[in-house]
Every structure is written in C-alpha cells, then in structure tokens.
Amino acid sequence: MLVVSGSRRQRAARDRMAGAASEYAALGWPCFPGAHPPAGGDRACSCDRLGCPDPGAHPVSAAWALEASVDPAVIKRWWAERPRANIILPTGRVFDVFDIPAAAGERALERIGRDGLPVGPVASVGGERHLFFVGTRGAPADEDEWWSCHLDTSPETVTETPGMRWHCRESYVVAPPSLLPRGRDVGWLRAPDGGGLPDPLRLLEVLADSCEALSEGP
C-alpha cells in the first residue's frame, strides 16, 4: 500500500509539472525543460556536470534560448519525455524578473502594499529568493543598464543594489512548482492572473531600497 501511495504522489507531482508548463504556455510564456534533483543517490542535480553551480535550476540544454516554446504539442512532448523536469522561463521576451533576497522581498511587498504600488506575479525560490515579474524593456540602447544573467552577476559585485539580480534578455528563471535540492521548492506568493505586468522602473526603486536596507541591518 505504501508503494502504491508513493507512486501516486510521484505521478501527481509529474502531472503538476506538465500542467503548470502548459498553463504558462497558454499565457504566452515560453517554457523549456530544466534539470531537477535526482530521485536517489547523493547528487544534487540530474545533469552530468560535476559540482553543478545551480542544481535543479538550469535548462537541460544549451539550446534553451532557441527552442523555448509556447506550442502545446511541444510542451506535452517535452514533459512526456522528461516528466520530472523543472520549468525554465526565458526572460526578456514577455517579462523581466527582479530577483532579490527573500528578506528584502518581504520588506518590498510590505511597502508595495502600504503605498498601493502596482505589482505583478511574485515567486519564492526555496524561501531564499523572491522573484518579481515585471514588463520587459527588451533590448535597450544603453547596455550598462542591464545584467544579462544571474550566473554572471553575484551579489558581491552589485554594490549599488546588494543582492539584486535583474533577469532580462539572454537569461531565465526557474518557475513554480519546480523542485530544488534539500526538499526546497519554487512557489507562487502572487500567482499570474493573465493581467498586465508593472513597469520595471516603477518597482526598481522600492526593490533596491529594500536590498540596501537589508545590507545595512536592522
């Protein structure tokens, strides 16, 4: 009985991942399969890279930028082939994402609610980071404004906004209900509802202030 119950839970989790990818595609959000924590063993990531720097939170192929799709048939086939795959959402197409420490995200949400500012979908990554989905600004003329990928931008190097990462073109985020190592997951704090996304510059000051306040302590 325990084996059957466990099997049902695993199947439900896989169906949930495929269903979520289909829902994102229906919103017009391109998706791509991501790596995931292996079912057994002592490895943190399903990829074959020794010491993976971002376990369970990266695409399964370097071709993700070209192949990410909203085609329902493609989405169905991908998750039939990789039912445990996490969900990768490319940024800089339909939306950009501000990625900040969870504590700063909580501060920001409090201020956003207090000041009545516009806010779009917000996700929590393992309880460690908050992802704020905003409208994309595409390809700006001033390249200095942009940080192309969180893998290239560590908090220590962003002195103006400690801990903030701005995912735009050529970047991606891992989306709910993806699973991460050590029993963590990615979940929505504010799920997408198909509505419009806020201008990134409307939220940038609030998020930056929250990150700076966090770095300064209580």
C-alpha atoms as a PDB file:
ATOM      1  CA  MET A   1       0.000   0.000   0.000  1.00  0.00           C
ATOM      2  CA  LEU A   2       2.840   2.395   0.815  1.00  0.00           C
ATOM      3  CA  VAL A   3       4.449   1.703  -2.549  1.00  0.00           C
ATOM      4  CA  VAL A   4       1.214   2.453  -4.387  1.00  0.00           C
ATOM      5  CA  SER A   5       0.685   5.613  -2.369  1.00  0.00           C
ATOM      6  CA  GLY A   6       4.238   6.781  -3.088  1.00  0.00           C
ATOM      7  CA  SER A   7       3.793   6.016  -6.763  1.00  0.00           C
ATOM      8  CA  ARG A   8       0.604   8.064  -6.855  1.00  0.00           C
ATOM      9  CA  ARG A   9       2.327  11.007  -5.204  1.00  0.00           C
ATOM     10  CA  GLN A  10       5.164  10.863  -7.722  1.00  0.00           C
ATOM     11  CA  ARG A  11       2.719  10.673 -10.616  1.00  0.00           C
ATOM     12  CA  ALA A  12       0.721  13.599  -9.227  1.00  0.00           C
ATOM     13  CA  ALA A  13       3.914  15.667  -8.914  1.00  0.00           C
ATOM     14  CA  ARG A  14       4.868  14.900 -12.509  1.00  0.00           C
ATOM     15  CA  ASP A  15       1.381  15.731 -13.793  1.00  0.00           C
ATOM     16  CA  ARG A  16       1.519  19.001 -11.852  1.00  0.00           C
ATOM     17  CA  MET A  17       4.779  19.997 -13.548  1.00  0.00           C
ATOM     18  CA  ALA A  18       3.470  19.248 -17.035  1.00  0.00           C
ATOM     19  CA  GLY A  19       0.201  21.015 -16.257  1.00  0.00           C
ATOM     20  CA  ALA A  20       1.982  24.119 -14.998  1.00  0.00           C
ATOM     21  CA  ALA A  21       4.165  24.284 -18.122  1.00  0.00           C
ATOM     22  CA  SER A  22       1.007  24.087 -20.253  1.00  0.00           C
ATOM     23  CA  GLU A  23      -0.594  26.893 -18.243  1.00  0.00           C
ATOM     24  CA  TYR A  24       2.447  29.129 -18.735  1.00  0.00           C
ATOM     25  CA  ALA A  25       2.387  28.422 -22.457  1.00  0.00           C
ATOM     26  CA  ALA A  26      -1.301  29.370 -22.548  1.00  0.00           C
ATOM     27  CA  LEU A  27      -0.324  32.738 -21.034  1.00  0.00           C
ATOM     28  CA  GLY A  28       2.135  33.205 -23.893  1.00  0.00           C
ATOM     29  CA  TRP A  29       5.149  32.496 -21.663  1.00  0.00           C
ATOM     30  CA  PRO A  30       7.737  30.320 -23.479  1.00  0.00           C
ATOM     31  CA  CYS A  31       8.917  27.307 -21.455  1.00  0.00           C
ATOM     32  CA  PHE A  32      11.801  24.870 -21.573  1.00  0.00           C
ATOM     33  CA  PRO A  33      12.595  21.743 -19.502  1.00  0.00           C
ATOM     34  CA  GLY A  34      15.002  22.200 -16.625  1.00  0.00           C
ATOM     35  CA  ALA A  35      17.242  19.948 -14.592  1.00  0.00           C
ATOM     36  CA  HIS A  36      15.867  18.556 -11.341  1.00  0.00           C
ATOM     37  CA  PRO A  37      17.040  16.829  -8.155  1.00  0.00           C
ATOM     38  CA  PRO A  38      17.573  13.091  -8.824  1.00  0.00           C
ATOM     39  CA  ALA A  39      15.168  10.654  -7.170  1.00  0.00           C
ATOM     40  CA  GLY A  40      18.003   8.850  -5.380  1.00  0.00           C
ATOM     41  CA  GLY A  41      21.733   8.949  -4.777  1.00  0.00           C
ATOM     42  CA  ASP A  42      23.847  11.721  -3.345  1.00  0.00           C
ATOM     43  CA  ARG A  43      23.843  14.092  -6.338  1.00  0.00           C
ATOM     44  CA  ALA A  44      22.015  17.410  -6.132  1.00  0.00           C
ATOM     45  CA  CYS A  45      21.256  17.748  -9.857  1.00  0.00           C
ATOM     46  CA  SER A  46      20.146  15.482 -12.677  1.00  0.00           C
ATOM     47  CA  CYS A  47      22.735  16.964 -15.048  1.00  0.00           C
ATOM     48  CA  ASP A  48      26.096  15.280 -15.607  1.00  0.00           C
ATOM     49  CA  ARG A  49      28.168  18.294 -14.552  1.00  0.00           C
ATOM     50  CA  LEU A  50      30.368  17.610 -11.560  1.00  0.00           C
ATOM     51  CA  GLY A  51      29.720  20.221  -8.879  1.00  0.00           C
ATOM     52  CA  CYS A  52      26.812  21.839 -10.748  1.00  0.00           C
ATOM     53  CA  PRO A  53      26.727  25.515  -9.624  1.00  0.00           C
ATOM     54  CA  ASP A  54      22.936  25.826  -9.903  1.00  0.00           C
ATOM     55  CA  PRO A  55      21.474  22.356  -9.166  1.00  0.00           C
ATOM     56  CA  GLY A  56      17.934  21.820 -10.374  1.00  0.00           C
ATOM     57  CA  ALA A  57      17.644  25.413 -11.590  1.00  0.00           C
ATOM     58  CA  HIS A  58      19.053  25.463 -15.117  1.00  0.00           C
ATOM     59  CA  PRO A  59      17.934  24.277 -18.586  1.00  0.00           C
ATOM     60  CA  VAL A  60      18.666  20.726 -19.723  1.00  0.00           C
ATOM     61  CA  SER A  61      20.233  22.023 -22.942  1.00  0.00           C
ATOM     62  CA  ALA A  62      22.283  24.990 -24.089  1.00  0.00           C
ATOM     63  CA  ALA A  63      19.725  25.379 -26.895  1.00  0.00           C
ATOM     64  CA  TRP A  64      17.062  26.660 -24.474  1.00  0.00           C
ATOM     65  CA  ALA A  65      17.089  30.201 -25.870  1.00  0.00           C
ATOM     66  CA  LEU A  66      16.289  28.991 -29.376  1.00  0.00           C
ATOM     67  CA  GLU A  67      13.930  26.153 -28.501  1.00  0.00           C
ATOM     68  CA  ALA A  68      11.763  27.555 -25.677  1.00  0.00           C
ATOM     69  CA  SER A  69       8.179  27.276 -26.862  1.00  0.00           C
ATOM     70  CA  VAL A  70       4.517  28.025 -26.218  1.00  0.00           C
ATOM     71  CA  ASP A  71       3.368  25.269 -28.591  1.00  0.00           C
ATOM     72  CA  PRO A  72       1.080  22.935 -26.585  1.00  0.00           C
ATOM     73  CA  ALA A  73       2.198  19.892 -28.587  1.00  0.00           C
ATOM     74  CA  VAL A  74       5.862  20.656 -27.967  1.00  0.00           C
ATOM     75  CA  ILE A  75       5.264  21.255 -24.258  1.00  0.00           C
ATOM     76  CA  LYS A  76       3.340  17.973 -23.977  1.00  0.00           C
ATOM     77  CA  ARG A  77       6.095  16.030 -25.742  1.00  0.00           C
ATOM     78  CA  TRP A  78       8.894  17.528 -23.651  1.00  0.00           C
ATOM     79  CA  TRP A  79       7.277  16.685 -20.339  1.00  0.00           C
ATOM     80  CA  ALA A  80       6.225  13.240 -21.566  1.00  0.00           C
ATOM     81  CA  GLU A  81       9.906  12.587 -22.277  1.00  0.00           C
ATOM     82  CA  ARG A  82      11.106  14.254 -19.039  1.00  0.00           C
ATOM     83  CA  PRO A  83       8.190  14.079 -16.579  1.00  0.00           C
ATOM     84  CA  ARG A  84      10.309  15.193 -13.623  1.00  0.00           C
ATOM     85  CA  ALA A  85      11.840  18.171 -15.440  1.00  0.00           C
ATOM     86  CA  ASN A  86      11.629  21.524 -13.722  1.00  0.00           C
ATOM     87  CA  ILE A  87      10.272  24.503 -15.649  1.00  0.00           C
ATOM     88  CA  ILE A  88      12.541  27.170 -17.110  1.00  0.00           C
ATOM     89  CA  LEU A  89      11.065  30.506 -18.227  1.00  0.00           C
ATOM     90  CA  PRO A  90      13.234  32.685 -20.500  1.00  0.00           C
ATOM     91  CA  THR A  91      13.229  36.370 -19.563  1.00  0.00           C
ATOM     92  CA  GLY A  92      13.498  39.462 -21.726  1.00  0.00           C
ATOM     93  CA  ARG A  93      10.673  38.310 -24.013  1.00  0.00           C
ATOM     94  CA  VAL A  94       7.302  38.617 -22.309  1.00  0.00           C
ATOM     95  CA  PHE A  95       8.663  39.756 -18.952  1.00  0.00           C
ATOM     96  CA  ASP A  96      11.795  40.601 -16.967  1.00  0.00           C
ATOM     97  CA  VAL A  97      12.339  39.404 -13.411  1.00  0.00           C
ATOM     98  CA  PHE A  98      13.874  41.149 -10.411  1.00  0.00           C
ATOM     99  CA  ASP A  99      15.499  38.500  -8.214  1.00  0.00           C
ATOM    100  CA  ILE A 100      16.249  39.626  -4.649  1.00  0.00           C
ATOM    101  CA  PRO A 101      16.877  38.038  -1.223  1.00  0.00           C
ATOM    102  CA  ALA A 102      13.686  36.805   0.442  1.00  0.00           C
ATOM    103  CA  ALA A 103      14.041  39.130   3.433  1.00  0.00           C
ATOM    104  CA  ALA A 104      14.319  42.123   1.096  1.00  0.00           C
ATOM    105  CA  GLY A 105      11.365  40.798  -0.886  1.00  0.00           C
ATOM    106  CA  GLU A 106       9.211  40.718   2.234  1.00  0.00           C
ATOM    107  CA  ARG A 107      10.171  44.321   3.019  1.00  0.00           C
ATOM    108  CA  ALA A 108       9.348  45.323  -0.533  1.00  0.00           C
ATOM    109  CA  LEU A 109       5.937  43.618  -0.513  1.00  0.00           C
ATOM    110  CA  GLU A 110       5.032  45.423   2.703  1.00  0.00           C
ATOM    111  CA  ARG A 111       5.939  48.788   1.197  1.00  0.00           C
ATOM    112  CA  ILE A 112       4.215  47.992  -2.111  1.00  0.00           C
ATOM    113  CA  GLY A 113       1.016  47.160  -0.244  1.00  0.00           C
ATOM    114  CA  ARG A 114       1.285  50.215   2.001  1.00  0.00           C
ATOM    115  CA  ASP A 115       1.924  52.619  -0.891  1.00  0.00           C
ATOM    116  CA  GLY A 116      -0.575  50.995  -3.264  1.00  0.00           C
ATOM    117  CA  LEU A 117       2.042  50.385  -5.956  1.00  0.00           C
ATOM    118  CA  PRO A 118       1.416  48.060  -8.898  1.00  0.00           C
ATOM    119  CA  VAL A 119       2.797  44.539  -8.507  1.00  0.00           C
ATOM    120  CA  GLY A 120       2.681  41.510 -10.751  1.00  0.00           C
ATOM    121  CA  PRO A 121       3.403  37.847 -10.061  1.00  0.00           C
ATOM    122  CA  VAL A 122       5.870  37.127  -7.259  1.00  0.00           C
ATOM    123  CA  ALA A 123       7.509  33.754  -6.622  1.00  0.00           C
ATOM    124  CA  SER A 124       9.596  32.352  -3.785  1.00  0.00           C
ATOM    125  CA  VAL A 125      12.645  30.243  -4.649  1.00  0.00           C
ATOM    126  CA  GLY A 126      13.299  27.848  -1.808  1.00  0.00           C
ATOM    127  CA  GLY A 127      12.392  30.529   0.731  1.00  0.00           C
ATOM    128  CA  GLU A 128      15.720  32.194  -0.123  1.00  0.00           C
ATOM    129  CA  ARG A 129      14.937  34.491  -3.054  1.00  0.00           C
ATOM    130  CA  HIS A 130      11.873  36.396  -4.268  1.00  0.00           C
ATOM    131  CA  LEU A 131      11.202  36.798  -7.980  1.00  0.00           C
ATOM    132  CA  PHE A 132       9.223  39.887  -9.064  1.00  0.00           C
ATOM    133  CA  PHE A 133       7.827  39.565 -12.605  1.00  0.00           C
ATOM    134  CA  VAL A 134       7.654  42.885 -14.465  1.00  0.00           C
ATOM    135  CA  GLY A 135       7.199  44.068 -18.031  1.00  0.00           C
ATOM    136  CA  THR A 136      10.218  43.628 -20.252  1.00  0.00           C
ATOM    137  CA  ARG A 137      12.144  46.545 -21.681  1.00  0.00           C
ATOM    138  CA  GLY A 138      13.544  44.396 -24.485  1.00  0.00           C
ATOM    139  CA  ALA A 139      16.949  45.434 -25.875  1.00  0.00           C
ATOM    140  CA  PRO A 140      17.873  48.885 -24.511  1.00  0.00           C
ATOM    141  CA  ALA A 141      20.333  51.196 -26.234  1.00  0.00           C
ATOM    142  CA  ASP A 142      22.337  51.586 -23.040  1.00  0.00           C
ATOM    143  CA  GLU A 143      23.813  48.153 -22.340  1.00  0.00           C
ATOM    144  CA  ASP A 144      25.185  49.373 -19.000  1.00  0.00           C
ATOM    145  CA  GLU A 145      21.649  49.296 -17.595  1.00  0.00           C
ATOM    146  CA  TRP A 146      21.382  45.547 -17.937  1.00  0.00           C
ATOM    147  CA  TRP A 147      22.676  42.423 -16.203  1.00  0.00           C
ATOM    148  CA  SER A 148      22.247  39.654 -18.739  1.00  0.00           C
ATOM    149  CA  CYS A 149      22.224  36.607 -16.482  1.00  0.00           C
ATOM    150  CA  HIS A 150      22.199  35.792 -12.776  1.00  0.00           C
ATOM    151  CA  LEU A 151      25.011  33.299 -13.348  1.00  0.00           C
ATOM    152  CA  ASP A 152      27.186  36.244 -14.365  1.00  0.00           C
ATOM    153  CA  THR A 153      26.150  38.605 -11.585  1.00  0.00           C
ATOM    154  CA  SER A 154      26.862  37.679  -7.988  1.00  0.00           C
ATOM    155  CA  PRO A 155      25.557  39.868  -5.140  1.00  0.00           C
ATOM    156  CA  GLU A 156      29.096  40.820  -4.159  1.00  0.00           C
ATOM    157  CA  THR A 157      29.611  42.640  -7.459  1.00  0.00           C
ATOM    158  CA  VAL A 158      26.394  44.663  -7.463  1.00  0.00           C
ATOM    159  CA  THR A 159      27.347  47.275  -4.892  1.00  0.00           C
ATOM    160  CA  GLU A 160      24.590  49.736  -5.819  1.00  0.00           C
ATOM    161  CA  THR A 161      21.790  47.248  -5.104  1.00  0.00           C
ATOM    162  CA  PRO A 162      23.162  44.498  -2.843  1.00  0.00           C
ATOM    163  CA  GLY A 163      21.802  41.079  -3.664  1.00  0.00           C
ATOM    164  CA  MET A 164      19.678  42.154  -6.636  1.00  0.00           C
ATOM    165  CA  ARG A 165      19.757  40.388  -9.988  1.00  0.00           C
ATOM    166  CA  TRP A 166      17.846  41.705 -12.998  1.00  0.00           C
ATOM    167  CA  HIS A 167      16.944  38.883 -15.380  1.00  0.00           C
ATOM    168  CA  CYS A 168      16.329  40.246 -18.854  1.00  0.00           C
ATOM    169  CA  ARG A 169      17.273  39.054 -22.316  1.00  0.00           C
ATOM    170  CA  GLU A 170      19.534  36.006 -22.538  1.00  0.00           C
ATOM    171  CA  SER A 171      18.557  34.966 -19.021  1.00  0.00           C
ATOM    172  CA  TYR A 172      15.934  32.759 -17.385  1.00  0.00           C
ATOM    173  CA  VAL A 173      14.321  31.819 -14.084  1.00  0.00           C
ATOM    174  CA  VAL A 174      13.124  28.518 -12.652  1.00  0.00           C
ATOM    175  CA  ALA A 175       9.348  28.590 -12.183  1.00  0.00           C
ATOM    176  CA  PRO A 176       6.783  27.064  -9.804  1.00  0.00           C
ATOM    177  CA  PRO A 177       6.163  24.256  -8.974  1.00  0.00           C
ATOM    178  CA  SER A 178       9.791  23.268  -9.662  1.00  0.00           C
ATOM    179  CA  LEU A 179      11.606  21.231  -7.019  1.00  0.00           C
ATOM    180  CA  LEU A 180      15.070  22.056  -5.685  1.00  0.00           C
ATOM    181  CA  PRO A 181      17.657  20.103  -3.671  1.00  0.00           C
ATOM    182  CA  ARG A 182      17.247  19.623   0.093  1.00  0.00           C
ATOM    183  CA  GLY A 183      13.469  19.468  -0.081  1.00  0.00           C
ATOM    184  CA  ARG A 184      13.044  23.071  -1.245  1.00  0.00           C
ATOM    185  CA  ASP A 185      10.706  24.189  -3.991  1.00  0.00           C
ATOM    186  CA  VAL A 186       9.615  27.189  -6.048  1.00  0.00           C
ATOM    187  CA  GLY A 187       6.133  28.525  -5.285  1.00  0.00           C
ATOM    188  CA  TRP A 188       3.928  31.480  -6.058  1.00  0.00           C
ATOM    189  CA  LEU A 189       3.357  34.188  -3.475  1.00  0.00           C
ATOM    190  CA  ARG A 190       1.253  36.016  -6.065  1.00  0.00           C
ATOM    191  CA  ALA A 191       0.311  33.776  -8.999  1.00  0.00           C
ATOM    192  CA  PRO A 192      -0.021  35.159 -12.541  1.00  0.00           C
ATOM    193  CA  ASP A 193      -3.598  36.010 -13.480  1.00  0.00           C
ATOM    194  CA  GLY A 194      -3.149  36.952 -17.116  1.00  0.00           C
ATOM    195  CA  GLY A 195      -3.212  40.666 -16.314  1.00  0.00           C
ATOM    196  CA  GLY A 196      -0.682  43.292 -17.288  1.00  0.00           C
ATOM    197  CA  LEU A 197       2.775  43.443 -15.743  1.00  0.00           C
ATOM    198  CA  PRO A 198       4.136  46.533 -13.955  1.00  0.00           C
ATOM    199  CA  ASP A 199       6.768  48.792 -15.451  1.00  0.00           C
ATOM    200  CA  PRO A 200      10.123  47.627 -14.044  1.00  0.00           C
ATOM    201  CA  LEU A 201      11.196  51.173 -13.265  1.00  0.00           C
ATOM    202  CA  ARG A 202       8.119  51.631 -11.028  1.00  0.00           C
ATOM    203  CA  LEU A 203       9.372  48.831  -8.765  1.00  0.00           C
ATOM    204  CA  LEU A 204      13.130  49.201  -9.153  1.00  0.00           C
ATOM    205  CA  GLU A 205      13.493  51.924  -6.509  1.00  0.00           C
ATOM    206  CA  VAL A 206      11.416  50.004  -3.953  1.00  0.00           C
ATOM    207  CA  LEU A 207      13.297  46.764  -4.504  1.00  0.00           C
ATOM    208  CA  ALA A 208      16.684  48.476  -4.481  1.00  0.00           C
ATOM    209  CA  ASP A 209      15.822  50.313  -1.254  1.00  0.00           C
ATOM    210  CA  SER A 210      14.764  47.012   0.338  1.00  0.00           C
ATOM    211  CA  CYS A 211      18.025  45.361  -0.644  1.00  0.00           C
ATOM    212  CA  GLU A 212      20.054  48.273   0.705  1.00  0.00           C
ATOM    213  CA  ALA A 213      18.112  48.289   3.984  1.00  0.00           C
ATOM    214  CA  LEU A 214      18.765  44.567   4.345  1.00  0.00           C
ATOM    215  CA  SER A 215      22.503  45.065   3.849  1.00  0.00           C
ATOM    216  CA  GLU A 216      22.555  47.799   6.491  1.00  0.00           C
ATOM    217  CA  GLY A 217      20.912  45.569   9.092  1.00  0.00           C
ATOM    218  CA  PRO A 218      18.017  46.329  11.496  1.00  0.00           C
END
